[in-house]
């Protein structure tokens, strides 16, 4: 069991940082005698000298310098623990678990998370990236407090927050672009389609046109884009995700007579608003503001 106290270490650090007992006393609003007592008690417990006085200067010994480097981490952690305890006392969550569909705009999500962390710097955020029914399934299992999903809840109210456009794209050198004409369904059926796998375990939910004879199913939007860049297939993907590659010409939209783009509504889902803590409510507020702006 530790024989020293955090208060003794705080006094030690104050003397080291302010260059003397008198200066430390003024900085931490304590009497000089109480600081002397705390530091001397610490030295007695440790069995080493922490300071040496040369003239009017109070300087750290070699042992004191080594211990100061270690105690800075300990005191910082103690302060963080105290802040977490205060947050818990005030009803502030220590963690926030969010399930977000991969097709949801990343910029909006990251700005929201940054804003939440700015207001609650000690909060631990667990971000679970999902596809199709996965976000709502994690919410139903109690693994997420909030779900941002392309489907409504069957047993609760859902709040629509934005529309995401999906566009049919392929690599610039893909055979479909070499036809140099408007495409038909038969053209698509003869080529490989890259499809995103539903991350929900309870049910797989197919969405959109899946008429190709060949299909590769992947788990991430990023993997789809990599395959498209290598001209290994075509896919309907969120415009915000593929726009940088459309701008550089690495990907091109497919010239379909209809259905080349479609929109999907995204919903903000949670089970019971009354059980959400202030951090979760702050996340909802920032996400609503950014999607409506």
C-alpha atoms as a PDB file:
ATOM      1  CA  UNK A   1       0.000   0.000   0.000  1.00  0.00           C
ATOM      2  CA  UNK A   2       1.288   3.474  -0.897  1.00  0.00           C
ATOM      3  CA  UNK A   3       2.580   5.448   2.082  1.00  0.00           C
ATOM      4  CA  UNK A   4       2.657   8.763   0.248  1.00  0.00           C
ATOM      5  CA  UNK A   5      -0.389  10.840  -0.635  1.00  0.00           C
ATOM      6  CA  UNK A   6      -1.418  12.718  -3.743  1.00  0.00           C
ATOM      7  CA  UNK A   7      -1.474  15.936  -1.732  1.00  0.00           C
ATOM      8  CA  UNK A   8       2.183  15.458  -0.789  1.00  0.00           C
ATOM      9  CA  UNK A   9       3.067  14.884  -4.428  1.00  0.00           C
ATOM     10  CA  UNK A  10       1.108  17.993  -5.431  1.00  0.00           C
ATOM     11  CA  UNK A  11       3.124  20.067  -2.943  1.00  0.00           C
ATOM     12  CA  UNK A  12       6.353  18.529  -4.227  1.00  0.00           C
ATOM     13  CA  UNK A  13       5.402  19.423  -7.800  1.00  0.00           C
ATOM     14  CA  UNK A  14       4.465  22.983  -6.790  1.00  0.00           C
ATOM     15  CA  UNK A  15       7.875  23.572  -5.181  1.00  0.00           C
ATOM     16  CA  UNK A  16       9.659  22.120  -8.209  1.00  0.00           C
ATOM     17  CA  UNK A  17       7.679  24.176 -10.725  1.00  0.00           C
ATOM     18  CA  UNK A  18       7.774  27.470  -8.819  1.00  0.00           C
ATOM     19  CA  UNK A  19      11.367  27.277  -7.651  1.00  0.00           C
ATOM     20  CA  UNK A  20      10.935  27.357  -3.894  1.00  0.00           C
ATOM     21  CA  UNK A  21       8.690  26.847  -0.887  1.00  0.00           C
ATOM     22  CA  UNK A  22       7.706  30.488  -0.579  1.00  0.00           C
ATOM     23  CA  UNK A  23       6.786  30.786  -4.263  1.00  0.00           C
ATOM     24  CA  UNK A  24       4.871  27.493  -4.130  1.00  0.00           C
ATOM     25  CA  UNK A  25       2.896  28.662  -1.105  1.00  0.00           C
ATOM     26  CA  UNK A  26       1.749  31.772  -2.969  1.00  0.00           C
ATOM     27  CA  UNK A  27       0.865  29.775  -6.076  1.00  0.00           C
ATOM     28  CA  UNK A  28      -1.273  27.121  -4.363  1.00  0.00           C
ATOM     29  CA  UNK A  29      -2.647  29.378  -1.595  1.00  0.00           C
ATOM     30  CA  UNK A  30      -1.226  27.362   1.270  1.00  0.00           C
ATOM     31  CA  UNK A  31       1.072  28.295   4.137  1.00  0.00           C
ATOM     32  CA  UNK A  32       4.769  27.822   3.615  1.00  0.00           C
ATOM     33  CA  UNK A  33       4.960  25.649   6.725  1.00  0.00           C
ATOM     34  CA  UNK A  34       2.310  23.244   5.430  1.00  0.00           C
ATOM     35  CA  UNK A  35       4.214  22.808   2.168  1.00  0.00           C
ATOM     36  CA  UNK A  36       7.485  22.287   4.084  1.00  0.00           C
ATOM     37  CA  UNK A  37       5.779  19.643   6.208  1.00  0.00           C
ATOM     38  CA  UNK A  38       4.271  17.804   3.202  1.00  0.00           C
ATOM     39  CA  UNK A  39       7.575  17.675   1.296  1.00  0.00           C
ATOM     40  CA  UNK A  40       9.662  16.683   4.325  1.00  0.00           C
ATOM     41  CA  UNK A  41       7.134  13.965   5.192  1.00  0.00           C
ATOM     42  CA  UNK A  42       7.401  12.692   1.608  1.00  0.00           C
ATOM     43  CA  UNK A  43      11.191  12.620   1.822  1.00  0.00           C
ATOM     44  CA  UNK A  44      11.002  10.678   5.088  1.00  0.00           C
ATOM     45  CA  UNK A  45       8.604   8.133   3.577  1.00  0.00           C
ATOM     46  CA  UNK A  46      10.701   7.686   0.425  1.00  0.00           C
ATOM     47  CA  UNK A  47      14.057   7.796   2.173  1.00  0.00           C
ATOM     48  CA  UNK A  48      15.563  10.142  -0.423  1.00  0.00           C
ATOM     49  CA  UNK A  49      16.200  13.868  -0.593  1.00  0.00           C
ATOM     50  CA  UNK A  50      14.025  15.593  -3.212  1.00  0.00           C
ATOM     51  CA  UNK A  51      15.455  19.112  -2.957  1.00  0.00           C
ATOM     52  CA  UNK A  52      18.751  20.751  -2.150  1.00  0.00           C
ATOM     53  CA  UNK A  53      19.174  24.382  -1.159  1.00  0.00           C
ATOM     54  CA  UNK A  54      21.994  26.339  -2.719  1.00  0.00           C
ATOM     55  CA  UNK A  55      22.077  29.864  -1.379  1.00  0.00           C
ATOM     56  CA  UNK A  56      18.582  31.194  -1.913  1.00  0.00           C
ATOM     57  CA  UNK A  57      17.720  28.646  -4.596  1.00  0.00           C
ATOM     58  CA  UNK A  58      15.804  25.443  -4.009  1.00  0.00           C
ATOM     59  CA  UNK A  59      16.756  22.900  -6.646  1.00  0.00           C
ATOM     60  CA  UNK A  60      15.727  19.339  -7.375  1.00  0.00           C
ATOM     61  CA  UNK A  61      18.129  16.558  -6.624  1.00  0.00           C
ATOM     62  CA  UNK A  62      18.764  13.889  -9.255  1.00  0.00           C
ATOM     63  CA  UNK A  63      16.201  11.672  -7.512  1.00  0.00           C
ATOM     64  CA  UNK A  64      13.751  14.576  -7.394  1.00  0.00           C
ATOM     65  CA  UNK A  65      14.108  15.178 -11.133  1.00  0.00           C
ATOM     66  CA  UNK A  66      13.448  11.539 -11.895  1.00  0.00           C
ATOM     67  CA  UNK A  67      10.399  11.374  -9.644  1.00  0.00           C
ATOM     68  CA  UNK A  68       8.988  14.638 -11.022  1.00  0.00           C
ATOM     69  CA  UNK A  69       8.835  13.147 -14.522  1.00  0.00           C
ATOM     70  CA  UNK A  70       6.827  10.216 -13.206  1.00  0.00           C
ATOM     71  CA  UNK A  71       4.565  12.146 -10.870  1.00  0.00           C
ATOM     72  CA  UNK A  72       3.345  14.472 -13.641  1.00  0.00           C
ATOM     73  CA  UNK A  73       1.587  11.506 -15.270  1.00  0.00           C
ATOM     74  CA  UNK A  74       0.161  10.281 -11.962  1.00  0.00           C
ATOM     75  CA  UNK A  75      -1.260  13.663 -11.000  1.00  0.00           C
ATOM     76  CA  UNK A  76      -2.738  14.202 -14.455  1.00  0.00           C
ATOM     77  CA  UNK A  77      -4.478  10.823 -14.241  1.00  0.00           C
ATOM     78  CA  UNK A  78      -5.756  11.633 -10.747  1.00  0.00           C
ATOM     79  CA  UNK A  79      -7.247  14.892 -12.010  1.00  0.00           C
ATOM     80  CA  UNK A  80      -8.898  13.044 -14.886  1.00  0.00           C
ATOM     81  CA  UNK A  81     -10.374  10.494 -12.491  1.00  0.00           C
ATOM     82  CA  UNK A  82     -11.765  13.273 -10.323  1.00  0.00           C
ATOM     83  CA  UNK A  83     -13.312  14.901 -13.401  1.00  0.00           C
ATOM     84  CA  UNK A  84     -14.887  11.616 -14.470  1.00  0.00           C
ATOM     85  CA  UNK A  85     -16.339  11.216 -10.973  1.00  0.00           C
ATOM     86  CA  UNK A  86     -17.774  14.733 -11.137  1.00  0.00           C
ATOM     87  CA  UNK A  87     -19.290  13.943 -14.527  1.00  0.00           C
ATOM     88  CA  UNK A  88     -20.867  10.781 -13.151  1.00  0.00           C
ATOM     89  CA  UNK A  89     -22.208  12.693 -10.171  1.00  0.00           C
ATOM     90  CA  UNK A  90     -23.760  15.219 -12.527  1.00  0.00           C
ATOM     91  CA  UNK A  91     -25.245  12.459 -14.682  1.00  0.00           C
ATOM     92  CA  UNK A  92     -22.753  12.846 -17.524  1.00  0.00           C
ATOM     93  CA  UNK A  93     -21.905   9.633 -19.341  1.00  0.00           C
ATOM     94  CA  UNK A  94     -18.337   8.379 -19.376  1.00  0.00           C
ATOM     95  CA  UNK A  95     -18.797   6.704 -22.794  1.00  0.00           C
ATOM     96  CA  UNK A  96     -21.013   7.191 -25.828  1.00  0.00           C
ATOM     97  CA  UNK A  97     -21.646   4.326 -28.267  1.00  0.00           C
ATOM     98  CA  UNK A  98     -22.880   5.250 -31.738  1.00  0.00           C
ATOM     99  CA  UNK A  99     -23.666   2.985 -34.690  1.00  0.00           C
ATOM    100  CA  UNK A 100     -23.392   4.799 -38.029  1.00  0.00           C
ATOM    101  CA  UNK A 101     -24.034   3.448 -41.503  1.00  0.00           C
ATOM    102  CA  UNK A 102     -20.980   3.666 -43.761  1.00  0.00           C
ATOM    103  CA  UNK A 103     -22.948   5.555 -46.392  1.00  0.00           C
ATOM    104  CA  UNK A 104     -23.647   8.471 -44.041  1.00  0.00           C
ATOM    105  CA  UNK A 105     -21.538  11.560 -44.946  1.00  0.00           C
ATOM    106  CA  UNK A 106     -18.207  11.344 -43.122  1.00  0.00           C
ATOM    107  CA  UNK A 107     -17.604  15.099 -42.943  1.00  0.00           C
ATOM    108  CA  UNK A 108     -20.836  15.659 -41.024  1.00  0.00           C
ATOM    109  CA  UNK A 109     -20.108  12.751 -38.689  1.00  0.00           C
ATOM    110  CA  UNK A 110     -16.555  13.881 -37.931  1.00  0.00           C
ATOM    111  CA  UNK A 111     -17.604  17.482 -37.313  1.00  0.00           C
ATOM    112  CA  UNK A 112     -20.272  16.229 -34.913  1.00  0.00           C
ATOM    113  CA  UNK A 113     -17.832  14.027 -33.011  1.00  0.00           C
ATOM    114  CA  UNK A 114     -15.302  16.863 -32.794  1.00  0.00           C
ATOM    115  CA  UNK A 115     -17.928  19.228 -31.404  1.00  0.00           C
ATOM    116  CA  UNK A 116     -18.983  16.689 -28.773  1.00  0.00           C
ATOM    117  CA  UNK A 117     -15.389  16.040 -27.737  1.00  0.00           C
ATOM    118  CA  UNK A 118     -14.769  19.766 -27.478  1.00  0.00           C
ATOM    119  CA  UNK A 119     -17.626  20.129 -24.994  1.00  0.00           C
ATOM    120  CA  UNK A 120     -16.833  16.885 -23.160  1.00  0.00           C
ATOM    121  CA  UNK A 121     -13.082  16.284 -23.595  1.00  0.00           C
ATOM    122  CA  UNK A 122     -13.045  13.279 -21.248  1.00  0.00           C
ATOM    123  CA  UNK A 123     -15.806  11.369 -23.015  1.00  0.00           C
ATOM    124  CA  UNK A 124     -14.884   8.055 -24.629  1.00  0.00           C
ATOM    125  CA  UNK A 125     -16.635   7.616 -27.958  1.00  0.00           C
ATOM    126  CA  UNK A 126     -17.164   4.188 -29.479  1.00  0.00           C
ATOM    127  CA  UNK A 127     -17.999   4.466 -33.163  1.00  0.00           C
ATOM    128  CA  UNK A 128     -19.384   1.318 -34.802  1.00  0.00           C
ATOM    129  CA  UNK A 129     -19.482   1.466 -38.598  1.00  0.00           C
ATOM    130  CA  UNK A 130     -22.294  -0.576 -40.113  1.00  0.00           C
ATOM    131  CA  UNK A 131     -24.065  -1.299 -43.394  1.00  0.00           C
ATOM    132  CA  UNK A 132     -27.847  -1.321 -43.998  1.00  0.00           C
ATOM    133  CA  UNK A 133     -29.650  -2.977 -41.064  1.00  0.00           C
ATOM    134  CA  UNK A 134     -26.532  -3.207 -38.882  1.00  0.00           C
ATOM    135  CA  UNK A 135     -26.941   0.108 -37.033  1.00  0.00           C
ATOM    136  CA  UNK A 136     -30.516  -0.565 -35.949  1.00  0.00           C
ATOM    137  CA  UNK A 137     -29.598  -4.082 -34.901  1.00  0.00           C
ATOM    138  CA  UNK A 138     -26.845  -2.803 -32.584  1.00  0.00           C
ATOM    139  CA  UNK A 139     -29.344  -0.328 -31.141  1.00  0.00           C
ATOM    140  CA  UNK A 140     -31.841  -3.129 -30.488  1.00  0.00           C
ATOM    141  CA  UNK A 141     -29.144  -5.205 -28.795  1.00  0.00           C
ATOM    142  CA  UNK A 142     -28.252  -2.357 -26.468  1.00  0.00           C
ATOM    143  CA  UNK A 143     -24.729  -2.107 -27.894  1.00  0.00           C
ATOM    144  CA  UNK A 144     -25.365   1.396 -29.223  1.00  0.00           C
ATOM    145  CA  UNK A 145     -27.248   4.297 -27.676  1.00  0.00           C
ATOM    146  CA  UNK A 146     -27.776   6.064 -31.005  1.00  0.00           C
ATOM    147  CA  UNK A 147     -28.063   4.683 -34.533  1.00  0.00           C
ATOM    148  CA  UNK A 148     -27.711   6.631 -37.766  1.00  0.00           C
ATOM    149  CA  UNK A 149     -29.309   4.273 -40.259  1.00  0.00           C
ATOM    150  CA  UNK A 150     -31.036   4.101 -43.665  1.00  0.00           C
ATOM    151  CA  UNK A 151     -34.087   2.376 -42.125  1.00  0.00           C
ATOM    152  CA  UNK A 152     -36.706   3.374 -39.588  1.00  0.00           C
ATOM    153  CA  UNK A 153     -37.367   1.507 -36.358  1.00  0.00           C
ATOM    154  CA  UNK A 154     -40.289  -0.908 -36.405  1.00  0.00           C
ATOM    155  CA  UNK A 155     -41.232  -0.307 -32.760  1.00  0.00           C
ATOM    156  CA  UNK A 156     -40.290   3.330 -32.231  1.00  0.00           C
ATOM    157  CA  UNK A 157     -40.298   6.712 -33.927  1.00  0.00           C
ATOM    158  CA  UNK A 158     -37.508   7.626 -36.310  1.00  0.00           C
ATOM    159  CA  UNK A 159     -36.310  11.088 -37.267  1.00  0.00           C
ATOM    160  CA  UNK A 160     -35.190  11.653 -40.862  1.00  0.00           C
ATOM    161  CA  UNK A 161     -32.110  13.837 -40.969  1.00  0.00           C
ATOM    162  CA  UNK A 162     -30.777  13.837 -44.527  1.00  0.00           C
ATOM    163  CA  UNK A 163     -30.880  12.386 -48.015  1.00  0.00           C
ATOM    164  CA  UNK A 164     -27.846  10.636 -49.498  1.00  0.00           C
ATOM    165  CA  UNK A 165     -27.518  10.277 -53.260  1.00  0.00           C
ATOM    166  CA  UNK A 166     -26.157   7.000 -54.632  1.00  0.00           C
ATOM    167  CA  UNK A 167     -24.713   7.015 -58.145  1.00  0.00           C
ATOM    168  CA  UNK A 168     -23.809   4.185 -60.522  1.00  0.00           C
ATOM    169  CA  UNK A 169     -20.064   4.343 -61.169  1.00  0.00           C
ATOM    170  CA  UNK A 170     -17.194   2.323 -62.592  1.00  0.00           C
ATOM    171  CA  UNK A 171     -13.511   2.842 -63.258  1.00  0.00           C
ATOM    172  CA  UNK A 172     -12.650   5.057 -66.210  1.00  0.00           C
ATOM    173  CA  UNK A 173     -11.200   2.075 -68.128  1.00  0.00           C
ATOM    174  CA  UNK A 174     -14.041  -0.326 -67.298  1.00  0.00           C
ATOM    175  CA  UNK A 175     -15.549  -2.094 -70.374  1.00  0.00           C
ATOM    176  CA  UNK A 176     -18.910  -0.395 -69.777  1.00  0.00           C
ATOM    177  CA  UNK A 177     -17.311   2.970 -70.524  1.00  0.00           C
ATOM    178  CA  UNK A 178     -15.684   1.610 -73.653  1.00  0.00           C
ATOM    179  CA  UNK A 179     -19.096   1.038 -75.251  1.00  0.00           C
ATOM    180  CA  UNK A 180     -19.388   4.810 -75.761  1.00  0.00           C
ATOM    181  CA  UNK A 181     -23.175   4.757 -75.702  1.00  0.00           C
ATOM    182  CA  UNK A 182     -26.126   4.739 -73.375  1.00  0.00           C
ATOM    183  CA  UNK A 183     -26.141   1.510 -71.394  1.00  0.00           C
ATOM    184  CA  UNK A 184     -28.902  -1.079 -71.108  1.00  0.00           C
ATOM    185  CA  UNK A 185     -29.809  -3.491 -68.328  1.00  0.00           C
ATOM    186  CA  UNK A 186     -28.365  -6.278 -70.439  1.00  0.00           C
ATOM    187  CA  UNK A 187     -25.014  -4.480 -70.460  1.00  0.00           C
ATOM    188  CA  UNK A 188     -25.057  -4.350 -66.647  1.00  0.00           C
ATOM    189  CA  UNK A 189     -26.090  -7.995 -66.293  1.00  0.00           C
ATOM    190  CA  UNK A 190     -23.000  -9.065 -68.247  1.00  0.00           C
ATOM    191  CA  UNK A 191     -20.621  -7.228 -65.885  1.00  0.00           C
ATOM    192  CA  UNK A 192     -19.554  -7.737 -62.297  1.00  0.00           C
ATOM    193  CA  UNK A 193     -21.422  -5.742 -59.653  1.00  0.00           C
ATOM    194  CA  UNK A 194     -19.776  -4.782 -56.362  1.00  0.00           C
ATOM    195  CA  UNK A 195     -22.318  -5.003 -53.534  1.00  0.00           C
ATOM    196  CA  UNK A 196     -22.088  -3.944 -49.895  1.00  0.00           C
ATOM    197  CA  UNK A 197     -22.807  -6.702 -47.373  1.00  0.00           C
ATOM    198  CA  UNK A 198     -25.512  -6.020 -44.782  1.00  0.00           C
ATOM    199  CA  UNK A 199     -23.676  -5.970 -41.425  1.00  0.00           C
ATOM    200  CA  UNK A 200     -26.834  -6.983 -39.551  1.00  0.00           C
ATOM    201  CA  UNK A 201     -26.709 -10.584 -38.332  1.00  0.00           C
ATOM    202  CA  UNK A 202     -30.424 -11.169 -37.843  1.00  0.00           C
ATOM    203  CA  UNK A 203     -31.304 -10.538 -41.455  1.00  0.00           C
ATOM    204  CA  UNK A 204     -29.623  -9.608 -44.695  1.00  0.00           C
ATOM    205  CA  UNK A 205     -31.440  -6.790 -46.427  1.00  0.00           C
ATOM    206  CA  UNK A 206     -30.826  -6.451 -50.144  1.00  0.00           C
ATOM    207  CA  UNK A 207     -31.281  -2.938 -51.426  1.00  0.00           C
ATOM    208  CA  UNK A 208     -31.238  -1.497 -54.924  1.00  0.00           C
ATOM    209  CA  UNK A 209     -30.741  -3.226 -58.248  1.00  0.00           C
ATOM    210  CA  UNK A 210     -28.977  -6.595 -57.943  1.00  0.00           C
ATOM    211  CA  UNK A 211     -29.513  -8.019 -61.413  1.00  0.00           C
ATOM    212  CA  UNK A 212     -25.906  -8.686 -62.399  1.00  0.00           C
ATOM    213  CA  UNK A 213     -24.941 -12.292 -63.157  1.00  0.00           C
ATOM    214  CA  UNK A 214     -21.640 -11.740 -61.299  1.00  0.00           C
ATOM    215  CA  UNK A 215     -21.471 -10.169 -57.854  1.00  0.00           C
ATOM    216  CA  UNK A 216     -18.669  -9.521 -55.409  1.00  0.00           C
ATOM    217  CA  UNK A 217     -19.938  -8.692 -51.930  1.00  0.00           C
ATOM    218  CA  UNK A 218     -17.705  -6.580 -49.674  1.00  0.00           C
ATOM    219  CA  UNK A 219     -18.037  -5.074 -46.205  1.00  0.00           C
ATOM    220  CA  UNK A 220     -16.827  -1.506 -46.681  1.00  0.00           C
ATOM    221  CA  UNK A 221     -17.398   1.410 -49.029  1.00  0.00           C
ATOM    222  CA  UNK A 222     -13.630   1.915 -49.196  1.00  0.00           C
ATOM    223  CA  UNK A 223     -13.146  -1.623 -50.513  1.00  0.00           C
ATOM    224  CA  UNK A 224     -15.782  -1.015 -53.181  1.00  0.00           C
ATOM    225  CA  UNK A 225     -13.999   2.114 -54.347  1.00  0.00           C
ATOM    226  CA  UNK A 226     -10.648   0.301 -54.537  1.00  0.00           C
ATOM    227  CA  UNK A 227     -12.173  -2.441 -56.687  1.00  0.00           C
ATOM    228  CA  UNK A 228     -13.808   0.122 -58.958  1.00  0.00           C
ATOM    229  CA  UNK A 229     -10.509   1.952 -59.393  1.00  0.00           C
ATOM    230  CA  UNK A 230      -9.010  -1.325 -60.594  1.00  0.00           C
ATOM    231  CA  UNK A 231     -11.867  -1.643 -63.129  1.00  0.00           C
ATOM    232  CA  UNK A 232     -13.066  -4.862 -61.496  1.00  0.00           C
ATOM    233  CA  UNK A 233     -16.749  -3.982 -61.410  1.00  0.00           C
ATOM    234  CA  UNK A 234     -19.421  -1.310 -61.082  1.00  0.00           C
ATOM    235  CA  UNK A 235     -21.505  -0.221 -58.119  1.00  0.00           C
ATOM    236  CA  UNK A 236     -24.000   2.272 -56.745  1.00  0.00           C
ATOM    237  CA  UNK A 237     -22.123   4.219 -54.084  1.00  0.00           C
ATOM    238  CA  UNK A 238     -22.724   7.445 -52.090  1.00  0.00           C
ATOM    239  CA  UNK A 239     -21.881  10.473 -54.183  1.00  0.00           C
ATOM    240  CA  UNK A 240     -20.020  12.133 -51.320  1.00  0.00           C
ATOM    241  CA  UNK A 241     -17.711   9.095 -51.124  1.00  0.00           C
ATOM    242  CA  UNK A 242     -16.928   8.853 -54.843  1.00  0.00           C
ATOM    243  CA  UNK A 243     -16.949  12.542 -55.775  1.00  0.00           C
ATOM    244  CA  UNK A 244     -13.172  13.016 -55.265  1.00  0.00           C
ATOM    245  CA  UNK A 245     -12.537  10.148 -57.708  1.00  0.00           C
ATOM    246  CA  UNK A 246     -15.082  11.506 -60.180  1.00  0.00           C
ATOM    247  CA  UNK A 247     -13.292  14.863 -60.024  1.00  0.00           C
ATOM    248  CA  UNK A 248      -9.939  13.258 -60.898  1.00  0.00           C
ATOM    249  CA  UNK A 249     -11.424  11.024 -63.580  1.00  0.00           C
ATOM    250  CA  UNK A 250     -10.484   7.782 -61.846  1.00  0.00           C
ATOM    251  CA  UNK A 251     -14.171   6.891 -61.706  1.00  0.00           C
ATOM    252  CA  UNK A 252     -16.982   7.861 -64.067  1.00  0.00           C
ATOM    253  CA  UNK A 253     -20.745   7.761 -63.766  1.00  0.00           C
ATOM    254  CA  UNK A 254     -22.442   5.139 -65.885  1.00  0.00           C
ATOM    255  CA  UNK A 255     -24.598   6.557 -68.724  1.00  0.00           C
ATOM    256  CA  UNK A 256     -27.865   4.825 -67.861  1.00  0.00           C
ATOM    257  CA  UNK A 257     -31.186   5.971 -69.350  1.00  0.00           C
ATOM    258  CA  UNK A 258     -32.732   5.897 -65.867  1.00  0.00           C
ATOM    259  CA  UNK A 259     -31.780   4.730 -62.392  1.00  0.00           C
ATOM    260  CA  UNK A 260     -28.222   6.017 -62.592  1.00  0.00           C
ATOM    261  CA  UNK A 261     -28.800   7.763 -59.284  1.00  0.00           C
ATOM    262  CA  UNK A 262     -31.147   7.255 -56.383  1.00  0.00           C
ATOM    263  CA  UNK A 263     -31.631   8.825 -52.990  1.00  0.00           C
ATOM    264  CA  UNK A 264     -31.775   7.145 -49.609  1.00  0.00           C
ATOM    265  CA  UNK A 265     -33.158   8.751 -46.470  1.00  0.00           C
ATOM    266  CA  UNK A 266     -31.082   8.467 -43.309  1.00  0.00           C
ATOM    267  CA  UNK A 267     -32.679   8.388 -39.887  1.00  0.00           C
ATOM    268  CA  UNK A 268     -31.651   9.284 -36.366  1.00  0.00           C
ATOM    269  CA  UNK A 269     -32.753   6.412 -34.148  1.00  0.00           C
ATOM    270  CA  UNK A 270     -32.710   5.872 -30.381  1.00  0.00           C
ATOM    271  CA  UNK A 271     -34.910   3.873 -28.037  1.00  0.00           C
ATOM    272  CA  UNK A 272     -35.899   6.258 -25.258  1.00  0.00           C
ATOM    273  CA  UNK A 273     -35.075   9.968 -25.265  1.00  0.00           C
ATOM    274  CA  UNK A 274     -35.570  10.186 -21.499  1.00  0.00           C
ATOM    275  CA  UNK A 275     -32.710   7.789 -20.844  1.00  0.00           C
ATOM    276  CA  UNK A 276     -30.182   9.687 -22.979  1.00  0.00           C
ATOM    277  CA  UNK A 277     -27.545  11.582 -21.041  1.00  0.00           C
ATOM    278  CA  UNK A 278     -26.245  15.085 -21.782  1.00  0.00           C
ATOM    279  CA  UNK A 279     -23.427  13.838 -24.029  1.00  0.00           C
ATOM    280  CA  UNK A 280     -25.838  11.844 -26.210  1.00  0.00           C
ATOM    281  CA  UNK A 281     -28.178  14.833 -26.375  1.00  0.00           C
ATOM    282  CA  UNK A 282     -25.274  17.053 -27.393  1.00  0.00           C
ATOM    283  CA  UNK A 283     -24.411  14.607 -30.196  1.00  0.00           C
ATOM    284  CA  UNK A 284     -28.008  14.694 -31.432  1.00  0.00           C
ATOM    285  CA  UNK A 285     -28.089  18.485 -31.331  1.00  0.00           C
ATOM    286  CA  UNK A 286     -24.900  18.940 -33.333  1.00  0.00           C
ATOM    287  CA  UNK A 287     -25.878  16.276 -35.873  1.00  0.00           C
ATOM    288  CA  UNK A 288     -29.282  17.898 -36.425  1.00  0.00           C
ATOM    289  CA  UNK A 289     -27.688  21.325 -36.841  1.00  0.00           C
ATOM    290  CA  UNK A 290     -25.094  20.123 -39.362  1.00  0.00           C
ATOM    291  CA  UNK A 291     -27.526  18.090 -41.473  1.00  0.00           C
ATOM    292  CA  UNK A 292     -30.108  20.869 -41.577  1.00  0.00           C
ATOM    293  CA  UNK A 293     -27.511  23.502 -42.395  1.00  0.00           C
END
